[in-house]
C-alpha atoms as a PDB file:
ATOM      1  CA  MET A   1      22.493  33.329 261.320  1.00  0.00           C
ATOM      2  CA  ASP A   2      21.200  29.817 261.330  1.00  0.00           C
ATOM      3  CA  PRO A   3      21.775  28.045 264.699  1.00  0.00           C
ATOM      4  CA  LEU A   4      22.725  24.835 262.903  1.00  0.00           C
ATOM      5  CA  LEU A   5      25.440  26.687 260.999  1.00  0.00           C
ATOM      6  CA  ILE A   6      26.845  28.113 264.247  1.00  0.00           C
ATOM      7  CA  ALA A   7      26.882  24.641 265.836  1.00  0.00           C
ATOM      8  CA  ASN A   8      28.603  23.250 262.757  1.00  0.00           C
ATOM      9  CA  ILE A   9      31.288  25.965 262.915  1.00  0.00           C
ATOM     10  CA  LYS A  10      31.866  25.201 266.610  1.00  0.00           C
ATOM     11  CA  GLN A  11      32.104  21.482 265.901  1.00  0.00           C
ATOM     12  CA  LYS A  12      34.621  22.108 263.129  1.00  0.00           C
ATOM     13  CA  ALA A  13      36.713  24.207 265.530  1.00  0.00           C
ATOM     14  CA  ILE A  14      36.588  21.450 268.159  1.00  0.00           C
ATOM     15  CA  ASP A  15      37.610  18.842 265.586  1.00  0.00           C
ATOM     16  CA  ALA A  16      40.485  21.036 264.402  1.00  0.00           C
ATOM     17  CA  THR A  17      41.868  21.724 267.886  1.00  0.00           C
ATOM     18  CA  ALA A  18      41.314  18.268 269.410  1.00  0.00           C
ATOM     19  CA  PRO A  19      41.151  15.656 266.652  1.00  0.00           C
ATOM     20  CA  ASN A  20      41.825  12.689 268.939  1.00  0.00           C
ATOM     21  CA  ALA A  21      39.851  14.018 271.965  1.00  0.00           C
ATOM     22  CA  VAL A  22      42.585  13.006 274.426  1.00  0.00           C
ATOM     23  CA  PHE A  23      42.328  16.254 276.387  1.00  0.00           C
ATOM     24  CA  GLU A  24      38.549  16.555 276.165  1.00  0.00           C
ATOM     25  CA  PRO A  25      36.696  16.797 279.493  1.00  0.00           C
ATOM     26  CA  GLY A  26      35.346  13.464 280.625  1.00  0.00           C
ATOM     27  CA  SER A  27      38.040  11.443 278.925  1.00  0.00           C
ATOM     28  CA  PHE A  28      40.334   8.978 280.660  1.00  0.00           C
ATOM     29  CA  PHE A  29      43.567  10.980 280.255  1.00  0.00           C
ATOM     30  CA  PRO A  30      43.123  13.537 283.101  1.00  0.00           C
ATOM     31  CA  TRP A  31      42.241  10.807 285.584  1.00  0.00           C
ATOM     32  CA  ALA A  32      45.124   8.596 284.489  1.00  0.00           C
ATOM     33  CA  SER A  33      47.625  11.440 284.745  1.00  0.00           C
ATOM     34  CA  ALA A  34      46.335  12.498 288.176  1.00  0.00           C
ATOM     35  CA  ILE A  35      46.498   8.937 289.520  1.00  0.00           C
ATOM     36  CA  PHE A  36      49.991   8.494 288.065  1.00  0.00           C
ATOM     37  CA  PHE A  37      51.140  11.733 289.740  1.00  0.00           C
ATOM     38  CA  VAL A  38      49.762  10.710 293.150  1.00  0.00           C
ATOM     39  CA  VAL A  39      51.316   7.239 292.933  1.00  0.00           C
ATOM     40  CA  SER A  40      54.656   8.728 291.874  1.00  0.00           C
ATOM     41  CA  VAL A  41      54.674  11.169 294.792  1.00  0.00           C
ATOM     42  CA  ALA A  42      53.762   8.370 297.212  1.00  0.00           C
ATOM     43  CA  LEU A  43      56.551   6.106 295.954  1.00  0.00           C
ATOM     44  CA  ILE A  44      59.130   8.903 296.081  1.00  0.00           C
ATOM     45  CA  TRP A  45      58.014   9.756 299.621  1.00  0.00           C
ATOM     46  CA  LEU A  46      58.355   6.105 300.669  1.00  0.00           C
ATOM     47  CA  MET A  47      61.850   5.893 299.166  1.00  0.00           C
ATOM     48  CA  ILE A  48      62.957   9.036 301.006  1.00  0.00           C
ATOM     49  CA  LYS A  49      61.375   7.811 304.242  1.00  0.00           C
ATOM     50  CA  ALA A  50      63.035   4.391 303.972  1.00  0.00           C
ATOM     51  CA  GLY A  51      66.451   5.941 303.320  1.00  0.00           C
ATOM     52  CA  LYS A  52      66.575   8.206 306.379  1.00  0.00           C
ATOM     53  CA  GLY A  53      69.071   7.308 309.078  1.00  0.00           C
ATOM     54  CA  LYS A  54      71.044   4.871 306.941  1.00  0.00           C
ATOM     55  CA  ASN A  55      74.654   5.562 306.099  1.00  0.00           C
ATOM     56  CA  TYR A  56      75.283   3.833 302.803  1.00  0.00           C
ATOM     57  CA  GLY A  57      78.665   5.511 302.292  1.00  0.00           C
ATOM     58  CA  ASP A  58      80.440   3.831 305.212  1.00  0.00           C
END
């Protein structure tokens, strides 16, 4: 088979599975989601830490 035809078939498959390239490697989405996860965990941890030892029900 012609190598150009194989590359074209692969490119068509990539375009069909990821038309907007959001989940493509090297894009901004994985970094943004990882940073958001770390910040969320840190804020939840700070809220739990700040609430220890306080009796709000009294």
